[in-house]
Amino acid sequence: MVQGCHGPGARRHSRLMVCGTAPCCATGAGGGSSGSTAGAGWGHLHRDQSRGQANPGLPRFNNPRGPQVPVYSARVLVSLRPSVLDPAGEATRAAAARLGVDGVSRLRIGKAVEVELEAPDEASARSQLELLSDRLLANPVIENWTLELRDGASAGA
């Protein structure tokens, strides 16, 4: 604990904005910019700042959001292109035969990615998900992807 402008045993906060306007900050006590021994950029938070006046742009937990934006639920299925060999799929097919599961002639392994996305309408949600799928979730050189999109109403069902 550091003895500062708020009395002995006052707890110091990490990397808070120094206000510089209170008497304690002007004298350099408690982590102000002048005379501080704790290092530059270390400060404290005054009571009026902790109630939201210091950063009015930050969201508050008790305030409801603005207008509700629909949430779209999607599943992106990514699989290897047919021309690409799938050694993991072949190993799994062979292991299935060793377990006594006969009749598996072809097995390919892919992945399913589930995404929930806030968007104003279905067209913008679809375009954002297509961009995400094509550039991030799948390697377009060796993988194909399929998009299954559900709107906000049927996402909870």
N, C-alpha and C. Protein backbone atom coordinates (compact mmCIF):
# COMPACT_ATOMS: atom_id res chain seq x y z
N MET A 1 0.83 -1.18 0.00
CA MET A 1 0.00 0.00 0.00
C MET A 1 0.87 1.24 0.00
N VAL A 2 0.40 2.26 -0.65
CA VAL A 2 1.14 3.50 -0.77
C VAL A 2 0.39 4.58 -0.03
N GLN A 3 1.11 5.36 0.75
CA GLN A 3 0.46 6.48 1.41
C GLN A 3 0.37 7.60 0.41
N GLY A 4 -0.84 8.03 0.12
CA GLY A 4 -1.03 9.06 -0.89
C GLY A 4 -1.92 10.15 -0.36
N CYS A 5 -2.55 10.86 -1.28
CA CYS A 5 -3.34 12.02 -0.90
C CYS A 5 -4.64 11.62 -0.21
N HIS A 6 -5.06 10.40 -0.30
CA HIS A 6 -6.32 9.98 0.29
C HIS A 6 -6.11 9.29 1.62
N GLY A 7 -4.94 9.44 2.22
CA GLY A 7 -4.70 8.92 3.55
C GLY A 7 -3.86 7.67 3.51
N PRO A 8 -3.38 7.26 4.67
CA PRO A 8 -2.55 6.07 4.73
C PRO A 8 -3.35 4.84 4.35
N GLY A 9 -2.72 3.95 3.65
CA GLY A 9 -3.36 2.70 3.26
C GLY A 9 -4.27 2.83 2.05
N ALA A 10 -4.31 3.98 1.40
CA ALA A 10 -5.15 4.13 0.21
C ALA A 10 -4.59 3.25 -0.90
N ARG A 11 -5.45 2.58 -1.58
CA ARG A 11 -5.01 1.67 -2.63
C ARG A 11 -4.74 2.42 -3.91
N ARG A 12 -3.69 2.06 -4.61
CA ARG A 12 -3.34 2.69 -5.88
C ARG A 12 -3.93 1.87 -7.01
N HIS A 13 -4.39 2.53 -8.02
CA HIS A 13 -4.95 1.88 -9.19
C HIS A 13 -3.88 1.80 -10.26
N SER A 14 -3.99 0.85 -11.14
CA SER A 14 -2.98 0.70 -12.18
C SER A 14 -3.35 1.52 -13.40
N ARG A 15 -2.45 2.34 -13.84
CA ARG A 15 -2.53 3.11 -15.08
C ARG A 15 -3.84 3.89 -15.24
N LEU A 16 -4.21 4.67 -14.23
CA LEU A 16 -5.38 5.51 -14.36
C LEU A 16 -4.97 6.89 -14.84
N MET A 17 -5.91 7.60 -15.41
CA MET A 17 -5.61 8.94 -15.90
C MET A 17 -5.45 9.87 -14.71
N VAL A 18 -4.38 10.65 -14.68
CA VAL A 18 -4.15 11.60 -13.61
C VAL A 18 -4.94 12.85 -13.94
N CYS A 19 -5.75 13.30 -12.98
CA CYS A 19 -6.61 14.44 -13.29
C CYS A 19 -5.85 15.74 -13.29
N GLY A 20 -4.90 15.96 -12.35
CA GLY A 20 -4.09 17.16 -12.32
C GLY A 20 -4.81 18.40 -11.83
N THR A 21 -6.09 18.30 -11.45
CA THR A 21 -6.83 19.48 -11.03
C THR A 21 -7.05 19.53 -9.53
N ALA A 22 -7.05 18.41 -8.85
CA ALA A 22 -7.28 18.40 -7.42
C ALA A 22 -6.02 18.86 -6.70
N PRO A 23 -6.16 19.36 -5.46
CA PRO A 23 -4.99 19.81 -4.72
C PRO A 23 -3.95 18.71 -4.55
N CYS A 24 -4.38 17.49 -4.39
CA CYS A 24 -3.42 16.40 -4.19
C CYS A 24 -2.60 16.17 -5.45
N CYS A 25 -3.19 16.37 -6.63
CA CYS A 25 -2.44 16.17 -7.87
C CYS A 25 -1.51 17.34 -8.13
N ALA A 26 -1.91 18.53 -7.73
CA ALA A 26 -1.08 19.71 -7.96
C ALA A 26 0.19 19.66 -7.12
N THR A 27 0.10 19.05 -5.92
CA THR A 27 1.27 18.97 -5.06
C THR A 27 2.12 17.76 -5.37
N GLY A 28 1.61 16.85 -6.15
CA GLY A 28 2.39 15.66 -6.51
C GLY A 28 2.20 14.51 -5.55
N ALA A 29 1.34 14.64 -4.56
CA ALA A 29 1.12 13.54 -3.63
C ALA A 29 0.21 12.51 -4.26
N GLY A 30 0.45 11.28 -3.94
CA GLY A 30 -0.46 10.22 -4.36
C GLY A 30 -0.37 9.88 -5.82
N GLY A 31 0.73 10.12 -6.47
CA GLY A 31 0.88 9.64 -7.83
C GLY A 31 0.59 10.65 -8.89
N GLY A 32 0.60 11.95 -8.56
CA GLY A 32 0.38 12.98 -9.56
C GLY A 32 1.56 13.04 -10.52
N SER A 33 1.45 13.89 -11.51
CA SER A 33 2.50 13.93 -12.53
C SER A 33 3.75 14.64 -12.04
N SER A 34 3.65 15.50 -11.01
CA SER A 34 4.84 16.18 -10.52
C SER A 34 5.23 15.62 -9.17
N GLY A 35 6.44 15.20 -9.03
CA GLY A 35 6.95 14.70 -7.76
C GLY A 35 6.59 13.27 -7.46
N SER A 36 6.06 12.55 -8.39
CA SER A 36 5.68 11.17 -8.13
C SER A 36 6.91 10.28 -8.16
N THR A 37 6.98 9.37 -7.20
CA THR A 37 8.09 8.43 -7.19
C THR A 37 7.68 7.08 -7.75
N ALA A 38 6.42 6.92 -8.10
CA ALA A 38 5.93 5.63 -8.57
C ALA A 38 6.14 5.44 -10.06
N GLY A 39 6.56 6.49 -10.75
CA GLY A 39 6.78 6.35 -12.19
C GLY A 39 5.76 7.14 -12.97
N ALA A 40 6.12 7.55 -14.13
CA ALA A 40 5.24 8.38 -14.95
C ALA A 40 4.03 7.59 -15.40
N GLY A 41 2.88 8.26 -15.44
CA GLY A 41 1.68 7.63 -15.94
C GLY A 41 0.86 6.91 -14.88
N TRP A 42 1.35 6.85 -13.64
CA TRP A 42 0.59 6.18 -12.58
C TRP A 42 -0.20 7.25 -11.86
N GLY A 43 -1.46 7.04 -11.68
CA GLY A 43 -2.29 8.05 -11.06
C GLY A 43 -3.36 7.44 -10.21
N HIS A 44 -4.31 8.22 -9.86
CA HIS A 44 -5.41 7.78 -9.03
C HIS A 44 -6.70 8.35 -9.58
N LEU A 45 -7.79 7.86 -9.07
CA LEU A 45 -9.11 8.24 -9.57
C LEU A 45 -9.86 8.93 -8.45
N HIS A 46 -10.38 10.10 -8.69
CA HIS A 46 -11.14 10.82 -7.68
C HIS A 46 -12.59 10.37 -7.71
N ARG A 47 -13.29 10.63 -6.61
CA ARG A 47 -14.68 10.16 -6.48
C ARG A 47 -15.57 10.69 -7.61
N ASP A 48 -15.43 11.93 -8.02
CA ASP A 48 -16.30 12.45 -9.07
C ASP A 48 -16.01 11.78 -10.41
N GLN A 49 -14.77 11.30 -10.62
CA GLN A 49 -14.45 10.60 -11.86
C GLN A 49 -15.02 9.20 -11.86
N SER A 50 -15.12 8.57 -10.70
CA SER A 50 -15.61 7.20 -10.66
C SER A 50 -17.10 7.10 -10.94
N ARG A 51 -17.81 8.22 -10.95
CA ARG A 51 -19.25 8.19 -11.21
C ARG A 51 -19.58 8.47 -12.66
N GLY A 52 -18.58 8.48 -13.53
CA GLY A 52 -18.86 8.61 -14.95
C GLY A 52 -18.55 9.95 -15.54
N GLN A 53 -18.22 10.97 -14.75
CA GLN A 53 -17.95 12.27 -15.32
C GLN A 53 -16.63 12.29 -16.09
N ALA A 54 -15.66 11.45 -15.69
CA ALA A 54 -14.35 11.48 -16.33
C ALA A 54 -14.41 10.95 -17.75
N ASN A 55 -15.15 9.89 -17.98
CA ASN A 55 -15.24 9.25 -19.30
C ASN A 55 -16.71 9.09 -19.68
N PRO A 56 -17.38 10.16 -20.10
CA PRO A 56 -18.80 10.04 -20.41
C PRO A 56 -19.10 9.15 -21.60
N GLY A 57 -18.09 8.84 -22.44
CA GLY A 57 -18.33 8.02 -23.62
C GLY A 57 -18.33 6.53 -23.34
N LEU A 58 -17.92 6.12 -22.14
CA LEU A 58 -17.88 4.70 -21.83
C LEU A 58 -19.28 4.18 -21.53
N PRO A 59 -19.60 2.96 -21.95
CA PRO A 59 -20.93 2.42 -21.68
C PRO A 59 -21.10 2.12 -20.20
N ARG A 60 -22.28 2.32 -19.71
CA ARG A 60 -22.61 2.01 -18.33
C ARG A 60 -23.38 0.69 -18.31
N PHE A 61 -23.21 -0.09 -17.24
CA PHE A 61 -23.84 -1.40 -17.18
C PHE A 61 -25.34 -1.31 -16.96
N ASN A 62 -25.82 -0.28 -16.29
CA ASN A 62 -27.24 -0.20 -15.97
C ASN A 62 -28.07 0.40 -17.09
N ASN A 63 -27.45 1.04 -18.05
CA ASN A 63 -28.20 1.65 -19.13
C ASN A 63 -28.58 0.60 -20.16
N PRO A 64 -29.84 0.59 -20.57
CA PRO A 64 -30.21 -0.36 -21.64
C PRO A 64 -29.58 0.08 -22.94
N ARG A 65 -29.38 -0.88 -23.83
CA ARG A 65 -28.84 -0.58 -25.15
C ARG A 65 -29.82 0.25 -25.93
N GLY A 66 -29.36 0.75 -27.03
CA GLY A 66 -30.22 1.49 -27.94
C GLY A 66 -31.19 0.53 -28.61
N PRO A 67 -31.56 0.82 -29.82
CA PRO A 67 -32.49 -0.08 -30.52
C PRO A 67 -31.87 -1.47 -30.69
N GLN A 68 -32.69 -2.48 -30.50
CA GLN A 68 -32.22 -3.86 -30.59
C GLN A 68 -31.88 -4.21 -32.04
N VAL A 69 -30.71 -4.81 -32.21
CA VAL A 69 -30.26 -5.25 -33.52
C VAL A 69 -30.49 -6.76 -33.57
N PRO A 70 -31.08 -7.29 -34.64
CA PRO A 70 -31.31 -8.73 -34.71
C PRO A 70 -30.00 -9.51 -34.68
N VAL A 71 -30.06 -10.66 -34.03
CA VAL A 71 -28.90 -11.55 -33.97
C VAL A 71 -29.18 -12.72 -34.91
N TYR A 72 -28.26 -12.94 -35.82
CA TYR A 72 -28.39 -14.05 -36.77
C TYR A 72 -27.46 -15.16 -36.35
N SER A 73 -27.97 -16.36 -36.40
CA SER A 73 -27.18 -17.53 -36.07
C SER A 73 -26.85 -18.25 -37.37
N ALA A 74 -25.59 -18.66 -37.48
CA ALA A 74 -25.16 -19.30 -38.72
C ALA A 74 -24.24 -20.47 -38.39
N ARG A 75 -24.22 -21.40 -39.30
CA ARG A 75 -23.28 -22.52 -39.23
C ARG A 75 -22.54 -22.55 -40.56
N VAL A 76 -21.21 -22.53 -40.47
CA VAL A 76 -20.37 -22.61 -41.67
C VAL A 76 -19.74 -24.00 -41.67
N LEU A 77 -20.02 -24.78 -42.70
CA LEU A 77 -19.45 -26.12 -42.85
C LEU A 77 -18.26 -26.03 -43.80
N VAL A 78 -17.10 -26.41 -43.31
CA VAL A 78 -15.87 -26.34 -44.10
C VAL A 78 -15.40 -27.75 -44.37
N SER A 79 -15.13 -28.06 -45.64
CA SER A 79 -14.65 -29.40 -46.00
C SER A 79 -13.55 -29.26 -47.05
N LEU A 80 -12.72 -30.28 -47.12
CA LEU A 80 -11.66 -30.29 -48.11
C LEU A 80 -12.26 -30.44 -49.51
N ARG A 81 -11.62 -29.84 -50.48
CA ARG A 81 -12.06 -30.01 -51.87
C ARG A 81 -11.88 -31.47 -52.27
N PRO A 82 -12.69 -31.96 -53.18
CA PRO A 82 -12.57 -33.37 -53.58
C PRO A 82 -11.21 -33.74 -54.14
N SER A 83 -10.50 -32.78 -54.72
CA SER A 83 -9.19 -33.08 -55.32
C SER A 83 -8.07 -33.13 -54.29
N VAL A 84 -8.35 -32.77 -53.04
CA VAL A 84 -7.33 -32.74 -52.00
C VAL A 84 -7.40 -34.04 -51.20
N LEU A 85 -6.24 -34.66 -50.99
CA LEU A 85 -6.18 -35.88 -50.19
C LEU A 85 -6.50 -35.56 -48.74
N ASP A 86 -7.14 -36.52 -48.04
CA ASP A 86 -7.50 -36.35 -46.65
C ASP A 86 -6.89 -37.48 -45.83
N PRO A 87 -5.63 -37.36 -45.40
CA PRO A 87 -5.00 -38.44 -44.66
C PRO A 87 -5.68 -38.71 -43.32
N ALA A 88 -6.20 -37.69 -42.66
CA ALA A 88 -6.90 -37.90 -41.38
C ALA A 88 -8.19 -38.69 -41.62
N GLY A 89 -8.88 -38.39 -42.70
CA GLY A 89 -10.09 -39.14 -43.03
C GLY A 89 -9.79 -40.59 -43.35
N GLU A 90 -8.71 -40.83 -44.08
CA GLU A 90 -8.32 -42.21 -44.41
C GLU A 90 -7.93 -42.99 -43.15
N ALA A 91 -7.20 -42.34 -42.24
CA ALA A 91 -6.82 -43.00 -40.98
C ALA A 91 -8.05 -43.31 -40.15
N THR A 92 -9.02 -42.41 -40.13
CA THR A 92 -10.25 -42.65 -39.37
C THR A 92 -11.06 -43.77 -40.00
N ARG A 93 -11.11 -43.82 -41.35
CA ARG A 93 -11.83 -44.91 -42.03
C ARG A 93 -11.19 -46.25 -41.71
N ALA A 94 -9.84 -46.30 -41.71
CA ALA A 94 -9.15 -47.55 -41.38
C ALA A 94 -9.39 -47.95 -39.93
N ALA A 95 -9.42 -46.97 -39.02
CA ALA A 95 -9.68 -47.26 -37.61
C ALA A 95 -11.11 -47.78 -37.41
N ALA A 96 -12.05 -47.26 -38.20
CA ALA A 96 -13.43 -47.74 -38.11
C ALA A 96 -13.51 -49.20 -38.53
N ALA A 97 -12.76 -49.56 -39.55
CA ALA A 97 -12.74 -50.96 -39.99
C ALA A 97 -12.12 -51.85 -38.91
N ARG A 98 -11.08 -51.37 -38.23
CA ARG A 98 -10.46 -52.16 -37.16
C ARG A 98 -11.40 -52.31 -35.96
N LEU A 99 -12.30 -51.36 -35.77
CA LEU A 99 -13.27 -51.45 -34.68
C LEU A 99 -14.44 -52.37 -35.03
N GLY A 100 -14.47 -52.83 -36.26
CA GLY A 100 -15.54 -53.74 -36.66
C GLY A 100 -16.67 -53.06 -37.39
N VAL A 101 -16.53 -51.79 -37.71
CA VAL A 101 -17.56 -51.09 -38.47
C VAL A 101 -17.23 -51.27 -39.94
N ASP A 102 -17.94 -52.16 -40.58
CA ASP A 102 -17.69 -52.47 -41.98
C ASP A 102 -18.59 -51.62 -42.86
N GLY A 103 -18.17 -51.46 -44.09
CA GLY A 103 -19.00 -50.77 -45.07
C GLY A 103 -18.68 -49.30 -45.24
N VAL A 104 -17.73 -48.75 -44.48
CA VAL A 104 -17.35 -47.34 -44.68
C VAL A 104 -16.38 -47.30 -45.85
N SER A 105 -16.87 -46.83 -46.99
CA SER A 105 -16.02 -46.82 -48.18
C SER A 105 -15.29 -45.48 -48.34
N ARG A 106 -15.85 -44.42 -47.79
CA ARG A 106 -15.22 -43.10 -47.93
C ARG A 106 -15.54 -42.28 -46.69
N LEU A 107 -14.51 -41.64 -46.13
CA LEU A 107 -14.70 -40.81 -44.96
C LEU A 107 -13.79 -39.59 -45.09
N ARG A 108 -14.38 -38.41 -45.03
CA ARG A 108 -13.60 -37.17 -45.11
C ARG A 108 -13.93 -36.32 -43.89
N ILE A 109 -12.93 -35.65 -43.36
CA ILE A 109 -13.09 -34.88 -42.14
C ILE A 109 -13.13 -33.40 -42.49
N GLY A 110 -14.06 -32.68 -41.87
CA GLY A 110 -14.18 -31.24 -42.05
C GLY A 110 -14.42 -30.60 -40.70
N LYS A 111 -14.94 -29.38 -40.72
CA LYS A 111 -15.24 -28.70 -39.47
C LYS A 111 -16.52 -27.90 -39.62
N ALA A 112 -17.20 -27.71 -38.51
CA ALA A 112 -18.40 -26.89 -38.46
C ALA A 112 -18.13 -25.73 -37.51
N VAL A 113 -18.38 -24.52 -37.97
CA VAL A 113 -18.16 -23.32 -37.16
C VAL A 113 -19.51 -22.66 -36.95
N GLU A 114 -19.88 -22.42 -35.69
CA GLU A 114 -21.14 -21.77 -35.37
C GLU A 114 -20.86 -20.32 -35.00
N VAL A 115 -21.62 -19.40 -35.60
CA VAL A 115 -21.39 -17.96 -35.42
C VAL A 115 -22.72 -17.30 -35.09
N GLU A 116 -22.70 -16.36 -34.13
CA GLU A 116 -23.83 -15.48 -33.89
C GLU A 116 -23.38 -14.07 -34.23
N LEU A 117 -24.15 -13.38 -35.04
CA LEU A 117 -23.74 -12.09 -35.58
C LEU A 117 -24.88 -11.10 -35.49
N GLU A 118 -24.59 -9.90 -34.99
CA GLU A 118 -25.58 -8.83 -34.98
C GLU A 118 -25.49 -8.08 -36.30
N ALA A 119 -26.62 -7.93 -36.97
CA ALA A 119 -26.65 -7.22 -38.24
C ALA A 119 -28.04 -6.61 -38.41
N PRO A 120 -28.13 -5.49 -39.14
CA PRO A 120 -29.43 -4.83 -39.30
C PRO A 120 -30.43 -5.63 -40.13
N ASP A 121 -29.93 -6.41 -41.11
CA ASP A 121 -30.84 -7.21 -41.93
C ASP A 121 -30.12 -8.48 -42.41
N GLU A 122 -30.89 -9.37 -43.01
CA GLU A 122 -30.34 -10.66 -43.42
C GLU A 122 -29.30 -10.52 -44.54
N ALA A 123 -29.50 -9.58 -45.44
CA ALA A 123 -28.55 -9.41 -46.54
C ALA A 123 -27.18 -8.98 -46.04
N SER A 124 -27.14 -8.05 -45.09
CA SER A 124 -25.84 -7.63 -44.56
C SER A 124 -25.22 -8.73 -43.71
N ALA A 125 -26.04 -9.48 -42.98
CA ALA A 125 -25.51 -10.61 -42.20
C ALA A 125 -24.90 -11.65 -43.13
N ARG A 126 -25.60 -11.95 -44.21
CA ARG A 126 -25.09 -12.94 -45.17
C ARG A 126 -23.78 -12.46 -45.80
N SER A 127 -23.70 -11.19 -46.18
CA SER A 127 -22.47 -10.70 -46.82
C SER A 127 -21.30 -10.71 -45.83
N GLN A 128 -21.54 -10.35 -44.56
CA GLN A 128 -20.47 -10.39 -43.57
C GLN A 128 -20.02 -11.82 -43.29
N LEU A 129 -20.97 -12.74 -43.22
CA LEU A 129 -20.62 -14.15 -42.97
C LEU A 129 -19.89 -14.76 -44.16
N GLU A 130 -20.27 -14.37 -45.37
CA GLU A 130 -19.55 -14.87 -46.55
C GLU A 130 -18.12 -14.36 -46.57
N LEU A 131 -17.93 -13.11 -46.22
CA LEU A 131 -16.58 -12.55 -46.14
C LEU A 131 -15.75 -13.27 -45.07
N LEU A 132 -16.36 -13.49 -43.92
CA LEU A 132 -15.69 -14.20 -42.83
C LEU A 132 -15.33 -15.62 -43.24
N SER A 133 -16.25 -16.30 -43.90
CA SER A 133 -16.02 -17.68 -44.32
C SER A 133 -14.92 -17.79 -45.36
N ASP A 134 -14.96 -16.89 -46.33
CA ASP A 134 -14.02 -16.97 -47.44
C ASP A 134 -12.61 -16.55 -47.06
N ARG A 135 -12.49 -15.59 -46.15
CA ARG A 135 -11.16 -15.06 -45.84
C ARG A 135 -10.57 -15.55 -44.54
N LEU A 136 -11.39 -16.09 -43.62
CA LEU A 136 -10.87 -16.46 -42.32
C LEU A 136 -11.11 -17.92 -41.96
N LEU A 137 -12.32 -18.39 -42.15
CA LEU A 137 -12.67 -19.73 -41.67
C LEU A 137 -12.20 -20.85 -42.59
N ALA A 138 -12.10 -20.59 -43.87
CA ALA A 138 -11.72 -21.63 -44.83
C ALA A 138 -10.53 -21.16 -45.66
N ASN A 139 -9.70 -22.10 -46.04
CA ASN A 139 -8.60 -21.82 -46.96
C ASN A 139 -9.15 -22.07 -48.36
N PRO A 140 -9.37 -21.03 -49.15
CA PRO A 140 -10.02 -21.22 -50.45
C PRO A 140 -9.21 -22.04 -51.44
N VAL A 141 -7.93 -22.26 -51.19
CA VAL A 141 -7.11 -23.06 -52.10
C VAL A 141 -7.45 -24.54 -51.96
N ILE A 142 -7.70 -25.01 -50.73
CA ILE A 142 -7.91 -26.44 -50.52
C ILE A 142 -9.26 -26.79 -49.90
N GLU A 143 -10.07 -25.78 -49.52
CA GLU A 143 -11.32 -26.07 -48.83
C GLU A 143 -12.51 -25.38 -49.48
N ASN A 144 -13.66 -26.01 -49.38
CA ASN A 144 -14.95 -25.44 -49.75
C ASN A 144 -15.72 -25.15 -48.47
N TRP A 145 -16.65 -24.21 -48.54
CA TRP A 145 -17.48 -23.93 -47.38
C TRP A 145 -18.93 -23.76 -47.80
N THR A 146 -19.83 -24.04 -46.86
CA THR A 146 -21.26 -23.90 -47.07
C THR A 146 -21.82 -23.11 -45.89
N LEU A 147 -22.71 -22.17 -46.16
CA LEU A 147 -23.27 -21.31 -45.12
C LEU A 147 -24.72 -21.68 -44.88
N GLU A 148 -25.06 -21.93 -43.62
CA GLU A 148 -26.45 -22.14 -43.20
C GLU A 148 -26.81 -20.98 -42.29
N LEU A 149 -27.71 -20.11 -42.71
CA LEU A 149 -28.06 -18.90 -41.96
C LEU A 149 -29.47 -19.01 -41.42
N ARG A 150 -29.61 -18.71 -40.12
CA ARG A 150 -30.93 -18.65 -39.48
C ARG A 150 -31.10 -17.25 -38.93
N ASP A 151 -32.29 -16.68 -39.03
CA ASP A 151 -32.50 -15.33 -38.52
C ASP A 151 -32.67 -15.34 -37.01
N GLY A 152 -32.79 -14.16 -36.43
CA GLY A 152 -32.88 -14.02 -34.98
C GLY A 152 -34.09 -14.72 -34.38
N ALA A 153 -35.21 -14.79 -35.08
CA ALA A 153 -36.41 -15.41 -34.53
C ALA A 153 -36.26 -16.92 -34.38
N SER A 154 -35.62 -17.56 -35.35
CA SER A 154 -35.50 -19.02 -35.28
C SER A 154 -34.19 -19.46 -34.64
N ALA A 155 -33.30 -18.52 -34.28
CA ALA A 155 -32.01 -18.89 -33.68
C ALA A 155 -32.21 -19.46 -32.30
N GLY A 156 -33.19 -18.98 -31.54
CA GLY A 156 -33.40 -19.47 -30.19
C GLY A 156 -34.13 -20.82 -30.16
N ALA A 157 -34.75 -21.21 -31.26
CA ALA A 157 -35.51 -22.46 -31.28
C ALA A 157 -34.63 -23.66 -31.48
